[in-house]
N, C-alpha and C. Protein backbone atom coordinates (compact mmCIF):
# COMPACT_ATOMS: atom_id res chain seq x y z
N UNK A 1 -7.05 2.77 -5.13
CA UNK A 1 -6.45 1.50 -4.80
C UNK A 1 -7.18 0.90 -3.60
N UNK A 2 -7.46 -0.39 -3.67
CA UNK A 2 -8.13 -1.12 -2.60
C UNK A 2 -7.23 -1.15 -1.37
N UNK A 3 -7.78 -0.90 -0.21
CA UNK A 3 -7.00 -0.85 1.03
C UNK A 3 -6.97 -2.21 1.72
N UNK A 4 -5.81 -2.53 2.26
CA UNK A 4 -5.62 -3.77 3.01
C UNK A 4 -4.80 -3.44 4.26
N UNK A 5 -5.26 -3.95 5.40
CA UNK A 5 -4.50 -3.83 6.65
C UNK A 5 -4.32 -5.25 7.17
N UNK A 6 -3.05 -5.65 7.36
CA UNK A 6 -2.78 -6.99 7.88
C UNK A 6 -2.00 -6.89 9.18
N UNK A 7 -2.28 -7.81 10.07
CA UNK A 7 -1.62 -7.90 11.37
C UNK A 7 -0.93 -9.26 11.45
N UNK A 8 0.30 -9.28 11.94
CA UNK A 8 1.02 -10.53 12.12
C UNK A 8 1.67 -10.51 13.51
N UNK A 9 1.15 -11.35 14.40
CA UNK A 9 1.73 -11.45 15.74
C UNK A 9 2.35 -12.83 15.96
N UNK A 10 2.68 -13.53 14.87
CA UNK A 10 3.23 -14.88 14.97
C UNK A 10 4.62 -14.89 15.59
N UNK A 11 5.29 -13.77 15.64
CA UNK A 11 6.62 -13.67 16.27
C UNK A 11 6.56 -12.81 17.53
N UNK A 12 5.44 -12.86 18.24
CA UNK A 12 5.24 -12.07 19.45
C UNK A 12 6.43 -12.26 20.37
N UNK A 13 6.98 -11.19 20.90
CA UNK A 13 6.44 -9.86 21.13
C UNK A 13 6.68 -8.86 19.99
N UNK A 14 6.90 -9.37 18.79
CA UNK A 14 6.97 -8.50 17.62
C UNK A 14 5.60 -8.49 16.96
N UNK A 15 5.02 -7.32 16.83
CA UNK A 15 3.77 -7.15 16.09
C UNK A 15 4.12 -6.44 14.79
N UNK A 16 3.72 -7.03 13.69
CA UNK A 16 3.97 -6.45 12.38
C UNK A 16 2.62 -6.06 11.77
N UNK A 17 2.51 -4.81 11.35
CA UNK A 17 1.27 -4.32 10.74
C UNK A 17 1.62 -3.73 9.39
N UNK A 18 0.85 -4.10 8.37
CA UNK A 18 1.04 -3.53 7.03
C UNK A 18 -0.25 -2.88 6.59
N UNK A 19 -0.12 -1.65 6.10
CA UNK A 19 -1.26 -0.92 5.53
C UNK A 19 -0.92 -0.58 4.10
N UNK A 20 -1.89 -0.81 3.21
CA UNK A 20 -1.68 -0.40 1.83
C UNK A 20 -2.98 0.14 1.26
N UNK A 21 -2.83 1.03 0.30
CA UNK A 21 -4.00 1.59 -0.38
C UNK A 21 -4.61 2.76 0.36
N UNK A 22 -5.83 3.10 -0.05
CA UNK A 22 -6.58 4.20 0.56
C UNK A 22 -7.46 3.65 1.68
N UNK A 23 -7.03 3.79 2.90
CA UNK A 23 -7.73 3.24 4.05
C UNK A 23 -8.94 4.12 4.36
N UNK A 24 -10.10 3.49 4.48
CA UNK A 24 -11.32 4.24 4.82
C UNK A 24 -11.33 4.55 6.32
N UNK A 25 -12.17 5.48 6.71
CA UNK A 25 -12.30 5.80 8.13
C UNK A 25 -12.76 4.59 8.93
N UNK A 26 -13.67 3.80 8.35
CA UNK A 26 -14.16 2.60 9.03
C UNK A 26 -13.03 1.58 9.20
N UNK A 27 -12.20 1.41 8.17
CA UNK A 27 -11.07 0.49 8.28
C UNK A 27 -10.08 0.99 9.33
N UNK A 28 -9.88 2.30 9.38
CA UNK A 28 -8.93 2.85 10.35
C UNK A 28 -9.46 2.66 11.77
N UNK A 29 -10.75 2.82 11.95
CA UNK A 29 -11.36 2.58 13.27
C UNK A 29 -11.16 1.13 13.68
N UNK A 30 -11.33 0.20 12.73
CA UNK A 30 -11.11 -1.22 13.01
C UNK A 30 -9.64 -1.47 13.35
N UNK A 31 -8.73 -0.82 12.64
CA UNK A 31 -7.30 -0.93 12.93
C UNK A 31 -7.02 -0.52 14.38
N UNK A 32 -7.58 0.60 14.81
CA UNK A 32 -7.36 1.07 16.18
C UNK A 32 -7.96 0.11 17.20
N UNK A 33 -9.12 -0.47 16.89
CA UNK A 33 -9.71 -1.48 17.79
C UNK A 33 -8.79 -2.69 17.91
N UNK A 34 -8.22 -3.09 16.80
CA UNK A 34 -7.31 -4.24 16.81
C UNK A 34 -6.05 -3.91 17.62
N UNK A 35 -5.57 -2.68 17.49
CA UNK A 35 -4.41 -2.27 18.28
C UNK A 35 -4.75 -2.28 19.77
N UNK A 36 -5.99 -1.91 20.11
CA UNK A 36 -6.46 -2.02 21.50
C UNK A 36 -6.34 -3.45 22.00
N UNK A 37 -6.68 -4.41 21.16
CA UNK A 37 -6.66 -5.81 21.57
C UNK A 37 -5.25 -6.26 21.95
N UNK A 38 -4.24 -5.71 21.29
CA UNK A 38 -2.86 -6.05 21.67
C UNK A 38 -2.48 -5.42 23.00
N UNK A 39 -2.94 -4.21 23.24
CA UNK A 39 -2.70 -3.59 24.55
C UNK A 39 -3.44 -4.35 25.65
N UNK A 40 -4.61 -4.89 25.32
CA UNK A 40 -5.40 -5.64 26.30
C UNK A 40 -4.68 -6.88 26.80
N UNK A 41 -3.69 -7.36 26.07
CA UNK A 41 -2.91 -8.52 26.52
C UNK A 41 -2.12 -8.20 27.79
N UNK A 42 -1.79 -6.93 27.97
CA UNK A 42 -1.03 -6.53 29.15
C UNK A 42 0.44 -6.90 29.09
N UNK A 43 0.95 -7.23 27.90
CA UNK A 43 2.33 -7.66 27.73
C UNK A 43 3.15 -6.58 27.03
N UNK A 44 4.46 -6.59 27.28
CA UNK A 44 5.34 -5.66 26.59
C UNK A 44 5.66 -6.21 25.20
N UNK A 45 5.71 -5.29 24.24
CA UNK A 45 5.97 -5.70 22.85
C UNK A 45 6.55 -4.55 22.06
N UNK A 46 6.98 -4.87 20.83
CA UNK A 46 7.46 -3.88 19.87
C UNK A 46 6.61 -4.01 18.61
N UNK A 47 6.60 -2.95 17.82
CA UNK A 47 5.75 -2.95 16.63
C UNK A 47 6.51 -2.40 15.42
N UNK A 48 6.35 -3.09 14.30
CA UNK A 48 6.81 -2.60 13.01
C UNK A 48 5.56 -2.27 12.21
N UNK A 49 5.46 -1.04 11.78
CA UNK A 49 4.30 -0.56 11.02
C UNK A 49 4.78 -0.21 9.61
N UNK A 50 4.39 -1.02 8.63
CA UNK A 50 4.80 -0.77 7.24
C UNK A 50 3.67 -0.03 6.53
N UNK A 51 3.90 1.25 6.30
CA UNK A 51 2.91 2.07 5.59
C UNK A 51 3.50 2.59 4.27
N UNK A 52 4.51 1.88 3.77
CA UNK A 52 5.19 2.32 2.56
C UNK A 52 4.29 2.31 1.33
N UNK A 53 3.21 1.53 1.35
CA UNK A 53 2.28 1.47 0.22
C UNK A 53 0.92 2.05 0.56
N UNK A 54 0.86 2.84 1.61
CA UNK A 54 -0.40 3.40 2.08
C UNK A 54 -0.54 4.85 1.65
N UNK A 55 -1.75 5.24 1.34
CA UNK A 55 -2.02 6.65 1.05
C UNK A 55 -1.98 7.44 2.35
N UNK A 56 -1.87 8.74 2.23
CA UNK A 56 -1.83 9.61 3.40
C UNK A 56 -3.15 9.49 4.17
N UNK A 57 -3.06 9.54 5.50
CA UNK A 57 -4.27 9.47 6.33
C UNK A 57 -5.12 10.72 6.13
N UNK A 58 -6.42 10.54 6.28
CA UNK A 58 -7.33 11.67 6.19
C UNK A 58 -7.26 12.48 7.48
N UNK A 59 -7.81 13.67 7.45
CA UNK A 59 -7.87 14.51 8.65
C UNK A 59 -8.61 13.77 9.76
N UNK A 60 -9.73 13.14 9.41
CA UNK A 60 -10.51 12.37 10.39
C UNK A 60 -9.66 11.28 11.02
N UNK A 61 -8.90 10.56 10.20
CA UNK A 61 -8.07 9.48 10.71
C UNK A 61 -6.95 10.00 11.61
N UNK A 62 -6.40 11.14 11.28
CA UNK A 62 -5.35 11.72 12.14
C UNK A 62 -5.94 12.07 13.51
N UNK A 63 -7.15 12.62 13.53
CA UNK A 63 -7.78 12.94 14.82
C UNK A 63 -8.17 11.67 15.57
N UNK A 64 -8.62 10.64 14.86
CA UNK A 64 -8.93 9.36 15.50
C UNK A 64 -7.67 8.80 16.16
N UNK A 65 -6.56 8.90 15.45
CA UNK A 65 -5.29 8.38 15.95
C UNK A 65 -4.84 9.16 17.20
N UNK A 66 -4.94 10.48 17.13
CA UNK A 66 -4.56 11.31 18.28
C UNK A 66 -5.41 10.98 19.50
N UNK A 67 -6.70 10.79 19.29
CA UNK A 67 -7.60 10.43 20.39
C UNK A 67 -7.24 9.06 20.95
N UNK A 68 -6.91 8.12 20.08
CA UNK A 68 -6.52 6.77 20.51
C UNK A 68 -5.26 6.83 21.37
N UNK A 69 -4.28 7.62 20.94
CA UNK A 69 -3.06 7.77 21.74
C UNK A 69 -3.40 8.37 23.10
N UNK A 70 -4.20 9.41 23.10
CA UNK A 70 -4.59 10.06 24.35
C UNK A 70 -5.27 9.07 25.30
N UNK A 71 -6.18 8.28 24.76
CA UNK A 71 -6.94 7.31 25.56
C UNK A 71 -6.04 6.19 26.09
N UNK A 72 -4.98 5.85 25.36
CA UNK A 72 -4.13 4.71 25.72
C UNK A 72 -2.72 5.11 26.16
N UNK A 73 -2.52 6.37 26.45
CA UNK A 73 -1.17 6.87 26.72
C UNK A 73 -0.44 6.07 27.80
N UNK A 74 -1.09 5.81 28.91
CA UNK A 74 -0.44 5.09 30.01
C UNK A 74 -0.08 3.66 29.59
N UNK A 75 -1.01 2.97 28.96
CA UNK A 75 -0.74 1.59 28.54
C UNK A 75 0.35 1.54 27.48
N UNK A 76 0.32 2.47 26.54
CA UNK A 76 1.36 2.51 25.52
C UNK A 76 2.73 2.70 26.15
N UNK A 77 2.83 3.64 27.09
CA UNK A 77 4.09 3.92 27.75
C UNK A 77 4.65 2.73 28.52
N UNK A 78 3.77 1.90 29.04
CA UNK A 78 4.20 0.73 29.81
C UNK A 78 4.47 -0.49 28.94
N UNK A 79 3.72 -0.65 27.86
CA UNK A 79 3.76 -1.90 27.11
C UNK A 79 4.47 -1.83 25.76
N UNK A 80 4.29 -0.77 25.02
CA UNK A 80 4.90 -0.68 23.69
C UNK A 80 6.32 -0.14 23.87
N UNK A 81 7.30 -1.01 23.68
CA UNK A 81 8.69 -0.66 23.95
C UNK A 81 9.33 0.12 22.81
N UNK A 82 8.77 0.04 21.63
CA UNK A 82 9.32 0.76 20.49
C UNK A 82 8.47 0.53 19.26
N UNK A 83 8.44 1.55 18.40
CA UNK A 83 7.67 1.50 17.16
C UNK A 83 8.56 1.94 16.02
N UNK A 84 8.69 1.08 15.01
CA UNK A 84 9.41 1.44 13.79
C UNK A 84 8.40 1.54 12.66
N UNK A 85 8.35 2.69 12.02
CA UNK A 85 7.42 2.92 10.91
C UNK A 85 8.21 2.95 9.61
N UNK A 86 7.84 2.06 8.69
CA UNK A 86 8.49 2.03 7.38
C UNK A 86 7.75 2.99 6.48
N UNK A 87 8.45 4.07 6.10
CA UNK A 87 7.85 5.11 5.25
C UNK A 87 8.85 5.50 4.18
N UNK A 88 8.42 5.45 2.95
CA UNK A 88 9.30 5.86 1.86
C UNK A 88 8.80 7.12 1.18
N UNK A 89 7.61 7.55 1.50
CA UNK A 89 6.98 8.69 0.85
C UNK A 89 7.08 9.96 1.71
N UNK A 90 7.39 11.05 1.05
CA UNK A 90 7.42 12.35 1.75
C UNK A 90 6.03 12.69 2.27
N UNK A 91 4.99 12.28 1.54
CA UNK A 91 3.62 12.55 1.98
C UNK A 91 3.31 11.83 3.30
N UNK A 92 3.76 10.59 3.42
CA UNK A 92 3.51 9.86 4.66
C UNK A 92 4.32 10.46 5.81
N UNK A 93 5.52 10.91 5.52
CA UNK A 93 6.31 11.57 6.58
C UNK A 93 5.62 12.84 7.04
N UNK A 94 5.00 13.56 6.10
CA UNK A 94 4.24 14.76 6.46
C UNK A 94 3.06 14.38 7.35
N UNK A 95 2.36 13.31 6.97
CA UNK A 95 1.24 12.84 7.78
C UNK A 95 1.71 12.47 9.19
N UNK A 96 2.86 11.79 9.29
CA UNK A 96 3.42 11.42 10.59
C UNK A 96 3.74 12.68 11.40
N UNK A 97 4.29 13.70 10.74
CA UNK A 97 4.60 14.95 11.43
C UNK A 97 3.34 15.60 11.98
N UNK A 98 2.26 15.54 11.20
CA UNK A 98 0.99 16.11 11.66
C UNK A 98 0.45 15.34 12.86
N UNK A 99 0.56 14.00 12.80
CA UNK A 99 0.12 13.18 13.94
C UNK A 99 0.94 13.52 15.19
N UNK A 100 2.24 13.63 15.01
CA UNK A 100 3.11 13.94 16.14
C UNK A 100 2.79 15.31 16.72
N UNK A 101 2.43 16.24 15.85
CA UNK A 101 2.04 17.57 16.31
C UNK A 101 0.76 17.50 17.14
N UNK A 102 -0.22 16.71 16.65
CA UNK A 102 -1.50 16.58 17.36
C UNK A 102 -1.32 15.87 18.70
N UNK A 103 -0.61 14.75 18.67
CA UNK A 103 -0.42 13.96 19.89
C UNK A 103 0.79 13.06 19.71
N UNK A 104 1.92 13.43 20.29
CA UNK A 104 3.12 12.60 20.16
C UNK A 104 2.93 11.23 20.81
N UNK A 105 3.56 10.22 20.23
CA UNK A 105 3.54 8.89 20.82
C UNK A 105 4.36 8.91 22.11
N UNK A 106 3.87 8.26 23.16
CA UNK A 106 4.59 8.24 24.43
C UNK A 106 5.63 7.12 24.50
N UNK A 107 6.12 6.69 23.33
CA UNK A 107 7.08 5.59 23.26
C UNK A 107 8.18 5.97 22.26
N UNK A 108 9.35 5.31 22.37
CA UNK A 108 10.40 5.55 21.38
C UNK A 108 9.93 5.11 19.99
N UNK A 109 10.14 5.99 19.01
CA UNK A 109 9.71 5.73 17.64
C UNK A 109 10.84 6.03 16.67
N UNK A 110 10.83 5.33 15.55
CA UNK A 110 11.79 5.61 14.48
C UNK A 110 11.06 5.49 13.15
N UNK A 111 11.38 6.37 12.23
CA UNK A 111 10.90 6.27 10.87
C UNK A 111 12.06 5.72 10.06
N UNK A 112 11.83 4.60 9.39
CA UNK A 112 12.91 3.88 8.70
C UNK A 112 12.51 3.60 7.26
N UNK A 113 13.51 3.34 6.38
CA UNK A 113 13.21 3.15 4.97
C UNK A 113 12.82 1.73 4.56
N UNK A 114 13.12 0.72 5.40
CA UNK A 114 12.86 -0.66 4.98
C UNK A 114 12.74 -1.59 6.19
N UNK A 115 12.38 -2.85 5.89
CA UNK A 115 12.15 -3.84 6.94
C UNK A 115 13.43 -4.16 7.72
N UNK A 116 14.57 -4.23 7.04
CA UNK A 116 15.82 -4.50 7.76
C UNK A 116 16.06 -3.47 8.85
N UNK A 117 15.92 -2.20 8.49
CA UNK A 117 16.14 -1.13 9.48
C UNK A 117 15.10 -1.20 10.59
N UNK A 118 13.87 -1.53 10.24
CA UNK A 118 12.81 -1.64 11.25
C UNK A 118 13.12 -2.75 12.24
N UNK A 119 13.53 -3.91 11.73
CA UNK A 119 13.83 -5.04 12.61
C UNK A 119 15.04 -4.75 13.49
N UNK A 120 16.05 -4.10 12.93
CA UNK A 120 17.20 -3.73 13.76
C UNK A 120 16.76 -2.80 14.89
N UNK A 121 15.90 -1.85 14.56
CA UNK A 121 15.45 -0.89 15.58
C UNK A 121 14.66 -1.59 16.69
N UNK A 122 13.65 -2.37 16.33
CA UNK A 122 12.81 -2.98 17.38
C UNK A 122 13.56 -4.05 18.15
N UNK A 123 14.45 -4.79 17.48
CA UNK A 123 15.26 -5.77 18.21
C UNK A 123 16.16 -5.04 19.20
N UNK A 124 16.72 -3.93 18.77
CA UNK A 124 17.54 -3.12 19.68
C UNK A 124 16.76 -2.60 20.87
N UNK A 125 15.50 -2.25 20.65
CA UNK A 125 14.64 -1.80 21.75
C UNK A 125 14.42 -2.94 22.74
N UNK A 126 14.18 -4.16 22.24
CA UNK A 126 13.99 -5.31 23.13
C UNK A 126 15.26 -5.58 23.93
N UNK A 127 16.40 -5.59 23.24
CA UNK A 127 17.67 -5.83 23.91
C UNK A 127 17.92 -4.74 24.95
N UNK A 128 17.64 -3.50 24.60
CA UNK A 128 17.82 -2.38 25.53
C UNK A 128 16.96 -2.48 26.77
N UNK A 129 15.85 -3.17 26.67
CA UNK A 129 14.96 -3.37 27.82
C UNK A 129 15.26 -4.67 28.55
N UNK A 130 16.38 -5.32 28.17
CA UNK A 130 16.78 -6.56 28.83
C UNK A 130 16.03 -7.78 28.35
N UNK A 131 15.43 -7.71 27.17
CA UNK A 131 14.63 -8.81 26.65
C UNK A 131 15.32 -9.48 25.45
N UNK A 132 16.58 -9.88 25.66
CA UNK A 132 17.36 -10.50 24.59
C UNK A 132 16.67 -11.76 24.06
N UNK A 133 16.13 -12.58 24.97
CA UNK A 133 15.46 -13.81 24.53
C UNK A 133 14.28 -13.49 23.61
N UNK A 134 13.58 -12.41 23.88
CA UNK A 134 12.46 -12.02 23.01
C UNK A 134 12.96 -11.60 21.64
N UNK A 135 14.07 -10.85 21.60
CA UNK A 135 14.64 -10.44 20.31
C UNK A 135 15.11 -11.67 19.54
N UNK A 136 15.69 -12.63 20.24
CA UNK A 136 16.16 -13.85 19.59
C UNK A 136 15.01 -14.70 19.07
N UNK A 137 13.85 -14.59 19.69
CA UNK A 137 12.70 -15.40 19.31
C UNK A 137 12.27 -15.16 17.87
N UNK A 138 12.37 -13.93 17.38
CA UNK A 138 11.94 -13.71 16.00
C UNK A 138 13.09 -13.72 15.00
N UNK A 139 14.32 -14.01 15.45
CA UNK A 139 15.43 -14.10 14.52
C UNK A 139 15.25 -15.21 13.48
N UNK A 140 14.78 -16.42 13.83
CA UNK A 140 14.64 -17.46 12.80
C UNK A 140 13.74 -17.04 11.64
N UNK A 141 12.77 -16.22 11.92
CA UNK A 141 11.85 -15.79 10.87
C UNK A 141 12.49 -14.80 9.91
N UNK A 142 13.37 -13.94 10.43
CA UNK A 142 13.93 -12.88 9.61
C UNK A 142 15.41 -13.04 9.32
N UNK A 143 16.05 -14.09 9.84
CA UNK A 143 17.43 -14.36 9.51
C UNK A 143 18.43 -13.63 10.39
N UNK A 144 19.71 -13.75 10.02
CA UNK A 144 20.79 -13.24 10.87
C UNK A 144 20.86 -11.72 10.96
N UNK A 145 20.11 -11.01 10.15
CA UNK A 145 20.18 -9.55 10.19
C UNK A 145 19.79 -8.99 11.56
N UNK A 146 19.06 -9.77 12.38
CA UNK A 146 18.69 -9.32 13.72
C UNK A 146 19.93 -9.13 14.58
N UNK A 147 21.00 -9.86 14.30
CA UNK A 147 22.23 -9.76 15.08
C UNK A 147 22.74 -8.33 15.14
N UNK A 148 22.45 -7.55 14.14
CA UNK A 148 22.94 -6.18 14.07
C UNK A 148 22.17 -5.24 15.00
N UNK A 149 21.23 -5.77 15.72
CA UNK A 149 20.30 -4.92 16.48
C UNK A 149 20.92 -4.23 17.68
N UNK A 150 21.88 -4.83 18.34
CA UNK A 150 22.34 -4.27 19.61
C UNK A 150 23.23 -3.08 19.50
């Protein structure tokens, strides 16, 4: 299956990333570079990562990811307020477990089954950090379901 990685920051401070298909090592490296660019903004944000249609990461990609976390640990801890990963596959959950074993994320994370749960989680993280206005900013795009976040 052809791999596609899309980034949507139109509702910043919500970053939405979707991965589908068999992601190559080169594509994964580009993904990590793009994630660096969001950290380079120096702003606090939340992220929804939809990997429900993505194949399991390769061993190389898991090590690339662990190295990226290690390199960015301080910035992640200060800027990324929460990460919700949409995963429906047991294989992807296994891959996430392996990543966590290699290098845990230094931020609050949740594995959720769908976009509604992901949005509730990240909106709740924003509200919990005192950023209610930021959580409200992306409500028009996703509807009243954000109200359930707190």
